[in-house]
Amino acid sequence: MKRIINTLEKMPKWYGFLTILLYSLLLAEFLITTNHLVNNNNLETDRLFVILARMSYIIIVLSAIVIWLISTFLFHLTAILFNGYAPFKHLLYISSYFYIMPAISVFISIFLLNQKTEYSTSNAVTTLQNNYSLGLPIMLVNYSFIPYYLLCMILIHHLYKVRLRYAIASVVIPILSVWAITKLFTLL
């Protein structure tokens, strides 16, 4: 793994940014494809889906980049809390290459969404949850970050020179914290 990390550190930094930009563009295309799918089939939507669908292409791309920056910074801060030290820019550059896996998953999801399918219900949320041809692409996008998080744990372990359990905690704590905060706000 150290060889891989050293190789990734030596690669041009803009390759990593291109990977993030590719993921962001694919995510925007995925959301727009989902929006067209819902609008073309006259499916009813809930409030959150309408907000996501109305976001412009540029805002979706910028949001994906900002989310990557914030999540990487949270991983960095948590690793520092466990007495690890490495410059933030190293984690930022190297972890950007790991975004290729979510980008591939989003690309496959876009391809799957473009397949012709019949929809039996008028409620978009129910259709998205129950229809396998829609559920599979959404599951691919949702679960595509598991390998990314696992690779970030290994990266933090080697880069920050912390124990593996602290590296795992450096990724799990920010993820669970963000999840808990979003659950708290959905209850309000």
Protein backbone atom coordinates (compact mmCIF):
# COMPACT_ATOMS: atom_id res chain seq x y z
CA MET A 1 0.00 0.00 0.00
CA LYS A 2 2.91 2.33 0.70
CA ARG A 3 4.06 1.95 -2.91
CA ILE A 4 0.61 2.89 -4.14
CA ILE A 5 0.53 5.93 -1.86
CA ASN A 6 4.02 6.98 -3.02
CA THR A 7 2.99 6.54 -6.64
CA LEU A 8 -0.16 8.59 -6.12
CA GLU A 9 1.84 11.33 -4.37
CA LYS A 10 4.13 11.62 -7.40
CA MET A 11 1.29 11.91 -9.91
CA PRO A 12 0.37 15.40 -11.11
CA LYS A 13 -2.06 17.06 -8.72
CA TRP A 14 -4.46 18.08 -11.46
CA TYR A 15 -5.20 14.40 -12.22
CA GLY A 16 -6.85 14.17 -8.82
CA PHE A 17 -8.82 17.34 -9.43
CA LEU A 18 -9.94 15.98 -12.81
CA THR A 19 -11.16 12.84 -11.03
CA ILE A 20 -13.23 14.95 -8.63
CA LEU A 21 -14.53 17.08 -11.50
CA LEU A 22 -15.46 13.95 -13.46
CA TYR A 23 -17.35 12.58 -10.46
CA SER A 24 -19.12 15.92 -9.95
CA LEU A 25 -20.18 16.15 -13.58
CA LEU A 26 -21.42 12.56 -13.58
CA LEU A 27 -23.36 13.15 -10.36
CA ALA A 28 -25.01 16.23 -11.86
CA GLU A 29 -25.90 14.21 -14.94
CA PHE A 30 -27.29 11.43 -12.73
CA LEU A 31 -29.56 13.86 -10.87
CA ILE A 32 -30.71 15.48 -14.11
CA THR A 33 -31.39 12.06 -15.66
CA THR A 34 -33.42 11.10 -12.59
CA ASN A 35 -35.28 14.40 -12.83
CA HIS A 36 -36.14 13.81 -16.49
CA LEU A 37 -37.24 10.29 -15.69
CA VAL A 38 -39.62 11.54 -13.01
CA ASN A 39 -40.94 14.44 -15.11
CA ASN A 40 -41.44 12.37 -18.26
CA ASN A 41 -43.49 9.77 -16.41
CA ASN A 42 -45.63 12.30 -14.49
CA LEU A 43 -44.59 10.92 -11.13
CA GLU A 44 -45.45 12.90 -7.99
CA THR A 45 -42.45 13.98 -5.95
CA ASP A 46 -41.79 15.00 -2.39
CA ARG A 47 -40.23 18.30 -1.33
CA LEU A 48 -36.60 17.12 -1.06
CA PHE A 49 -36.68 15.56 -4.51
CA VAL A 50 -38.07 18.76 -6.03
CA ILE A 51 -35.28 20.80 -4.44
CA LEU A 52 -32.60 18.43 -5.74
CA ALA A 53 -34.15 18.35 -9.19
CA ARG A 54 -34.33 22.13 -9.48
CA MET A 55 -30.71 22.70 -8.57
CA SER A 56 -28.79 23.86 -11.56
CA TYR A 57 -26.04 21.80 -13.11
CA ILE A 58 -23.28 24.12 -11.89
CA ILE A 59 -24.58 24.15 -8.31
CA ILE A 60 -24.65 20.34 -8.24
CA VAL A 61 -21.06 20.19 -9.52
CA LEU A 62 -19.89 22.78 -6.98
CA SER A 63 -21.79 21.04 -4.17
CA ALA A 64 -20.07 17.74 -4.93
CA ILE A 65 -16.65 19.41 -4.86
CA VAL A 66 -17.41 21.23 -1.60
CA ILE A 67 -18.68 18.01 0.00
CA TRP A 68 -15.43 16.28 -0.98
CA LEU A 69 -13.36 19.12 0.53
CA ILE A 70 -15.34 19.19 3.77
CA SER A 71 -15.38 15.43 4.25
CA THR A 72 -11.64 15.18 3.61
CA PHE A 73 -11.02 18.03 6.04
CA LEU A 74 -13.13 16.28 8.69
CA PHE A 75 -11.10 13.09 8.17
CA HIS A 76 -7.93 15.16 8.57
CA LEU A 77 -9.11 16.85 11.77
CA THR A 78 -10.19 13.56 13.32
CA ALA A 79 -6.85 11.93 12.44
CA ILE A 80 -5.07 14.86 14.11
CA LEU A 81 -7.18 14.29 17.24
CA PHE A 82 -5.69 10.79 17.39
CA ASN A 83 -2.13 12.24 17.40
CA GLY A 84 -1.52 11.69 13.74
CA TYR A 85 0.19 14.26 11.62
CA ALA A 86 0.38 14.77 7.90
CA PRO A 87 -0.23 17.86 5.80
CA PHE A 88 -3.86 18.21 4.75
CA LYS A 89 -2.86 18.67 1.13
CA HIS A 90 -1.40 15.14 0.98
CA LEU A 91 -4.66 13.60 2.16
CA LEU A 92 -6.59 15.87 -0.18
CA TYR A 93 -4.54 14.99 -3.26
CA ILE A 94 -4.28 11.26 -2.69
CA SER A 95 -7.89 10.71 -1.60
CA SER A 96 -9.09 12.45 -4.75
CA TYR A 97 -7.83 9.54 -6.85
CA PHE A 98 -10.04 7.16 -4.87
CA TYR A 99 -13.09 9.04 -6.17
CA ILE A 100 -12.74 7.14 -9.44
CA MET A 101 -14.74 4.26 -7.93
CA PRO A 102 -17.81 6.38 -7.11
CA ALA A 103 -17.45 8.04 -10.53
CA ILE A 104 -17.57 4.66 -12.27
CA SER A 105 -20.61 3.68 -10.19
CA VAL A 106 -22.43 6.89 -11.11
CA PHE A 107 -21.58 6.32 -14.78
CA ILE A 108 -23.04 2.80 -14.64
CA SER A 109 -26.10 4.18 -12.82
CA ILE A 110 -26.69 6.75 -15.56
CA PHE A 111 -26.49 3.99 -18.14
CA LEU A 112 -28.99 1.87 -16.17
CA LEU A 113 -31.41 4.79 -15.76
CA ASN A 114 -31.48 5.35 -19.51
CA GLN A 115 -32.98 1.90 -20.09
CA LYS A 116 -36.69 1.83 -21.00
CA THR A 117 -38.90 0.80 -18.06
CA GLU A 118 -42.60 0.78 -17.26
CA TYR A 119 -43.72 2.42 -14.01
CA SER A 120 -46.79 1.26 -12.16
CA THR A 121 -47.28 3.98 -9.55
CA SER A 122 -47.61 7.74 -9.70
CA ASN A 123 -45.63 8.47 -6.52
CA ALA A 124 -41.95 9.05 -7.38
CA VAL A 125 -40.61 8.09 -3.96
CA THR A 126 -42.51 4.79 -3.93
CA THR A 127 -41.45 4.09 -7.50
CA LEU A 128 -37.81 4.82 -6.73
CA GLN A 129 -37.93 2.56 -3.68
CA ASN A 130 -39.83 -0.38 -5.17
CA ASN A 131 -38.80 -0.53 -8.82
CA TYR A 132 -35.65 -2.62 -9.25
CA SER A 133 -34.62 -0.85 -12.46
CA LEU A 134 -34.60 2.43 -10.51
CA GLY A 135 -33.48 1.00 -7.18
CA LEU A 136 -30.32 -0.62 -8.50
CA PRO A 137 -28.81 2.61 -9.91
CA ILE A 138 -29.65 4.46 -6.70
CA MET A 139 -28.11 1.67 -4.60
CA LEU A 140 -24.99 1.79 -6.79
CA VAL A 141 -24.61 5.51 -6.14
CA ASN A 142 -25.32 5.19 -2.42
CA TYR A 143 -22.99 2.25 -1.78
CA SER A 144 -20.20 3.34 -4.11
CA PHE A 145 -18.53 5.23 -1.29
CA ILE A 146 -17.87 2.16 0.85
CA PRO A 147 -14.65 1.27 -1.05
CA TYR A 148 -13.67 4.96 -1.01
CA TYR A 149 -14.04 5.10 2.77
CA LEU A 150 -12.10 1.86 3.22
CA LEU A 151 -9.25 3.18 1.09
CA CYS A 152 -9.29 6.46 3.03
CA MET A 153 -8.94 4.49 6.26
CA ILE A 154 -5.87 2.70 4.91
CA LEU A 155 -4.51 5.98 3.55
CA ILE A 156 -4.90 7.71 6.92
CA HIS A 157 -3.25 4.73 8.64
CA HIS A 158 -0.15 5.03 6.44
CA LEU A 159 -0.08 8.77 5.91
CA TYR A 160 -0.75 9.90 9.48
CA LYS A 161 1.05 6.94 11.06
CA VAL A 162 -1.79 6.15 13.45
CA ARG A 163 -3.04 2.74 14.49
CA LEU A 164 -5.54 1.13 12.18
CA ARG A 165 -8.38 1.45 14.69
CA TYR A 166 -7.72 5.20 14.94
CA ALA A 167 -7.65 5.45 11.16
CA ILE A 168 -10.99 3.65 11.04
CA ALA A 169 -12.36 6.00 13.69
CA SER A 170 -11.00 8.99 11.73
CA VAL A 171 -13.37 8.12 8.90
CA VAL A 172 -16.29 6.61 10.81
CA ILE A 173 -16.70 9.43 13.36
CA PRO A 174 -17.21 12.23 10.77
CA ILE A 175 -19.54 10.07 8.67
CA LEU A 176 -21.69 9.11 11.65
CA SER A 177 -21.66 12.69 12.94
CA VAL A 178 -22.93 14.07 9.64
CA TRP A 179 -25.53 11.29 9.43
CA ALA A 180 -26.72 12.01 13.00
CA ILE A 181 -26.98 15.75 12.32
CA THR A 182 -29.03 15.16 9.17
CA LYS A 183 -31.31 12.78 11.07
CA LEU A 184 -31.71 15.41 13.79
CA PHE A 185 -32.74 18.06 11.26
CA THR A 186 -35.19 15.72 9.57
CA LEU A 187 -36.95 15.31 12.92
CA LEU A 188 -37.47 19.07 13.24
